Amino acid sequence: QVQLVESGGGLVQPGGSLSLSCVASGNFFRIGAMGWHRQAPGSQRMLVAGITGGGSTNYGSPVKGRFTISRNNAKNTVTLQMNNLQPEDSAVYYCFAEVISRDYSGEDHWGKGTQVTVSS
């Protein structure tokens, strides 16, 4: 299986930037799609950004134009660059990765989450 380790969360002022990273390790054939969801207290969990193994990206509407997702396939790492952060971006951010088996089946795995707080 796979273990996901996240890093980069913290406290920033509105308009500031943070970069989140997630590294996948363990016993698996290949990592497919990777990305990030977020959830704030009392709110629904939402997709922030995703990226396929081939590099195609998808962003949730609230972060389009401000966040950028990228990956390094050799290191099984996904990165989320977050710019012009706003208070409504405050949430726990969870990394996900799709583990692909030799029979082409896929199963999503999740990190433990990292806190992002945007406040003046």
Protein backbone atom coordinates (compact mmCIF):
# COMPACT_ATOMS: atom_id res chain seq x y z
CA GLN A 1 0.00 0.00 0.00
CA VAL A 2 0.97 3.68 0.15
CA GLN A 3 1.68 6.25 2.87
CA LEU A 4 1.27 9.98 2.18
CA VAL A 5 3.25 12.57 4.14
CA GLU A 6 2.22 16.24 3.88
CA SER A 7 4.21 19.35 4.75
CA GLY A 8 4.09 23.13 4.34
CA GLY A 9 1.00 24.23 6.26
CA GLY A 10 1.04 27.21 8.58
CA LEU A 11 -0.25 30.71 9.39
CA VAL A 12 -0.12 33.55 6.84
CA GLN A 13 -1.68 36.99 6.40
CA PRO A 14 -4.23 37.69 3.65
CA GLY A 15 -2.43 38.11 0.34
CA GLY A 16 0.41 35.85 1.41
CA SER A 17 1.62 32.56 -0.05
CA LEU A 18 2.28 29.00 1.06
CA SER A 19 3.52 25.87 -0.68
CA LEU A 20 2.24 22.42 0.30
CA SER A 21 4.03 19.19 -0.58
CA CYS A 22 2.99 15.54 -0.37
CA VAL A 23 5.26 12.52 -0.81
CA ALA A 24 3.95 9.02 -1.49
CA SER A 25 5.92 6.00 -0.31
CA GLY A 26 5.32 2.29 0.14
CA ASN A 27 4.73 -0.82 -1.94
CA PHE A 28 2.79 -0.08 -5.13
CA PHE A 29 3.00 -0.47 -8.89
CA ARG A 30 2.31 3.11 -9.95
CA ILE A 31 0.76 6.34 -8.68
CA GLY A 32 -1.96 7.77 -10.90
CA ALA A 33 -3.82 10.98 -10.12
CA MET A 34 -2.70 13.08 -7.14
CA GLY A 35 -4.03 16.26 -5.57
CA TRP A 36 -5.60 18.08 -2.64
CA HIS A 37 -8.97 18.46 -0.94
CA ARG A 38 -9.75 20.83 1.93
CA GLN A 39 -12.31 21.06 4.71
CA ALA A 40 -13.06 23.92 7.10
CA PRO A 41 -15.04 23.46 10.35
CA GLY A 42 -18.75 23.36 9.59
CA SER A 43 -18.16 23.24 5.82
CA GLN A 44 -18.26 20.56 3.16
CA ARG A 45 -15.10 18.95 1.90
CA MET A 46 -14.15 20.22 -1.57
CA LEU A 47 -11.64 19.54 -4.30
CA VAL A 48 -8.84 22.10 -4.38
CA ALA A 49 -6.75 20.76 -7.26
CA GLY A 50 -5.93 17.51 -8.99
CA ILE A 51 -3.35 16.37 -11.51
CA THR A 52 -3.22 13.18 -13.58
CA GLY A 53 -0.14 11.08 -14.19
CA GLY A 54 0.12 12.73 -17.60
CA GLY A 55 0.02 16.26 -16.18
CA SER A 56 -3.59 17.31 -16.87
CA THR A 57 -4.87 19.61 -14.10
CA ASN A 58 -8.23 20.51 -12.57
CA TYR A 59 -9.01 23.23 -10.01
CA GLY A 60 -11.91 24.05 -7.77
CA SER A 61 -13.56 27.32 -8.78
CA PRO A 62 -12.59 29.30 -5.62
CA VAL A 63 -8.85 28.77 -6.22
CA LYS A 64 -8.58 29.14 -10.01
CA GLY A 65 -5.94 31.69 -10.94
CA ARG A 66 -4.41 31.68 -7.45
CA PHE A 67 -3.23 28.08 -6.86
CA THR A 68 -0.98 25.93 -9.04
CA ILE A 69 -0.53 22.16 -8.75
CA SER A 70 2.46 20.23 -10.08
CA ARG A 71 4.06 16.81 -9.65
CA ASN A 72 7.37 14.99 -9.87
CA ASN A 73 6.70 11.44 -11.04
CA ALA A 74 10.22 10.20 -10.29
CA LYS A 75 9.81 11.22 -6.63
CA ASN A 76 6.06 10.48 -6.36
CA THR A 77 5.56 14.01 -5.07
CA VAL A 78 2.78 16.55 -5.61
CA THR A 79 3.09 20.26 -4.78
CA LEU A 80 0.45 22.96 -4.35
CA GLN A 81 1.61 26.57 -4.68
CA MET A 82 -0.97 28.85 -3.05
CA ASN A 83 -0.82 32.59 -3.80
CA ASN A 84 -2.98 35.55 -2.73
CA LEU A 85 -4.42 33.55 0.15
CA GLN A 86 -7.69 34.76 1.68
CA PRO A 87 -9.38 33.99 5.02
CA GLU A 88 -11.88 31.72 3.29
CA ASP A 89 -8.95 29.49 2.26
CA SER A 90 -8.40 28.54 5.91
CA ALA A 91 -8.94 24.78 6.23
CA VAL A 92 -7.28 21.44 6.75
CA TYR A 93 -5.75 20.39 3.44
CA TYR A 94 -5.64 16.66 2.65
CA CYS A 95 -3.40 15.06 0.05
CA PHE A 96 -4.76 12.20 -2.06
CA ALA A 97 -3.11 9.74 -4.41
CA GLU A 98 -4.56 7.06 -6.67
CA VAL A 99 -2.66 3.77 -6.34
CA ILE A 100 -2.66 1.78 -9.59
CA SER A 101 -2.24 -2.01 -9.56
CA ARG A 102 -0.95 -4.22 -12.36
CA ASP A 103 -4.54 -5.16 -13.24
CA TYR A 104 -5.17 -1.41 -13.83
CA SER A 105 -7.48 -1.05 -10.83
CA GLY A 106 -7.17 2.15 -8.78
CA GLU A 107 -7.74 3.00 -5.12
CA ASP A 108 -7.51 6.43 -3.48
CA HIS A 109 -5.39 6.97 -0.36
CA TRP A 110 -5.34 10.04 1.89
CA GLY A 111 -2.85 11.89 4.05
CA LYS A 112 -3.54 12.96 7.63
CA GLY A 113 -3.98 16.62 6.66
CA THR A 114 -2.12 19.87 7.27
CA GLN A 115 -3.63 23.08 8.70
CA VAL A 116 -3.63 26.30 6.67
CA THR A 117 -4.76 29.45 8.50
CA VAL A 118 -5.11 32.83 6.78
CA SER A 119 -5.65 35.68 9.24
CA SER A 120 -4.61 39.27 9.90
